[in-house]
C-alpha atoms as a PDB file:
ATOM      1  CA  MET A   1      -0.606  18.702 -27.821  1.00  0.00           C
ATOM      2  CA  THR A   2      -3.320  16.844 -25.893  1.00  0.00           C
ATOM      3  CA  LYS A   3      -0.716  14.184 -24.782  1.00  0.00           C
ATOM      4  CA  VAL A   4       1.827  16.888 -23.612  1.00  0.00           C
ATOM      5  CA  TYR A   5      -0.949  18.464 -21.562  1.00  0.00           C
ATOM      6  CA  PHE A   6      -1.976  15.359 -20.067  1.00  0.00           C
ATOM      7  CA  THR A   7       1.560  14.415 -19.051  1.00  0.00           C
ATOM      8  CA  ARG A   8       2.017  17.814 -17.427  1.00  0.00           C
ATOM      9  CA  HIS A   9      -1.435  17.506 -15.664  1.00  0.00           C
ATOM     10  CA  LYS A  10      -0.462  14.014 -14.497  1.00  0.00           C
ATOM     11  CA  THR A  11       2.768  15.218 -12.957  1.00  0.00           C
ATOM     12  CA  THR A  12       1.070  17.981 -11.178  1.00  0.00           C
ATOM     13  CA  ILE A  13      -1.385  15.614  -9.629  1.00  0.00           C
ATOM     14  CA  ILE A  14       1.405  13.175  -8.513  1.00  0.00           C
ATOM     15  CA  GLN A  15       3.430  16.179  -7.125  1.00  0.00           C
ATOM     16  CA  HIS A  16       0.214  17.293  -5.243  1.00  0.00           C
ATOM     17  CA  PHE A  17      -0.475  13.888  -3.889  1.00  0.00           C
ATOM     18  CA  LEU A  18       3.339  13.480  -2.772  1.00  0.00           C
ATOM     19  CA  HIS A  19       3.085  16.892  -0.988  1.00  0.00           C
ATOM     20  CA  ASN A  20      -0.034  15.924   0.873  1.00  0.00           C
ATOM     21  CA  TYR A  21       1.350  12.337   1.691  1.00  0.00           C
ATOM     22  CA  ASN A  22       4.573  14.048   3.033  1.00  0.00           C
ATOM     23  CA  SER A  23       2.571  16.512   5.248  1.00  0.00           C
ATOM     24  CA  PHE A  24       0.400  13.642   6.414  1.00  0.00           C
ATOM     25  CA  LEU A  25       3.515  11.523   7.388  1.00  0.00           C
ATOM     26  CA  SER A  26       4.921  14.637   9.289  1.00  0.00           C
ATOM     27  CA  LYS A  27       2.112  14.160  11.820  1.00  0.00           C
ATOM     28  CA  PRO A  28       2.927  10.687  13.174  1.00  0.00           C
ATOM     29  CA  SER A  29       0.146  10.633  15.870  1.00  0.00           C
ATOM     30  CA  VAL A  30      -2.635  11.411  13.274  1.00  0.00           C
ATOM     31  CA  ASN A  31      -1.052   8.868  10.955  1.00  0.00           C
ATOM     32  CA  ILE A  32      -0.948   5.993  13.551  1.00  0.00           C
ATOM     33  CA  GLN A  33      -4.554   6.726  14.572  1.00  0.00           C
ATOM     34  CA  PHE A  34      -5.820   6.764  11.041  1.00  0.00           C
ATOM     35  CA  ILE A  35      -3.943   3.584   9.999  1.00  0.00           C
ATOM     36  CA  ALA A  36      -5.225   1.840  13.158  1.00  0.00           C
ATOM     37  CA  SER A  37      -8.756   2.934  12.617  1.00  0.00           C
ATOM     38  CA  LEU A  38      -8.553   1.865   8.925  1.00  0.00           C
ATOM     39  CA  PHE A  39      -7.058  -1.610   9.808  1.00  0.00           C
ATOM     40  CA  ALA A  40      -9.836  -1.999  12.475  1.00  0.00           C
ATOM     41  CA  HIS A  41     -12.501  -1.128   9.917  1.00  0.00           C
ATOM     42  CA  ILE A  42     -11.145  -3.522   7.401  1.00  0.00           C
ATOM     43  CA  ILE A  43     -10.883  -6.402  10.007  1.00  0.00           C
ATOM     44  CA  LYS A  44     -14.405  -5.765  11.264  1.00  0.00           C
ATOM     45  CA  LYS A  45     -15.674  -5.861   7.602  1.00  0.00           C
ATOM     46  CA  SER A  46     -13.951  -9.122   6.658  1.00  0.00           C
ATOM     47  CA  TYR A  47     -14.928 -10.718  10.138  1.00  0.00           C
ATOM     48  CA  PHE A  48     -18.632  -9.932   9.645  1.00  0.00           C
ATOM     49  CA  CYS A  49     -18.492 -11.201   5.926  1.00  0.00           C
ATOM     50  CA  GLU A  50     -17.167 -14.453   7.221  1.00  0.00           C
ATOM     51  CA  GLN A  51     -19.793 -14.700   9.885  1.00  0.00           C
ATOM     52  CA  ASN A  52     -22.572 -13.891   7.440  1.00  0.00           C
ATOM     53  CA  GLN A  53     -21.659 -16.732   5.141  1.00  0.00           C
END
């Protein structure tokens, strides 16, 4: 019974995530800005980590 509940619950989470992801992709300008800022953040972090060593 627990396993069935967990499987159903997991499917709901996945569906919810996919729905959010699709609505996120339907706004390309927001998507591009978010990805750009995310990459900039990662690059800055890795750059500073290399400088500090």
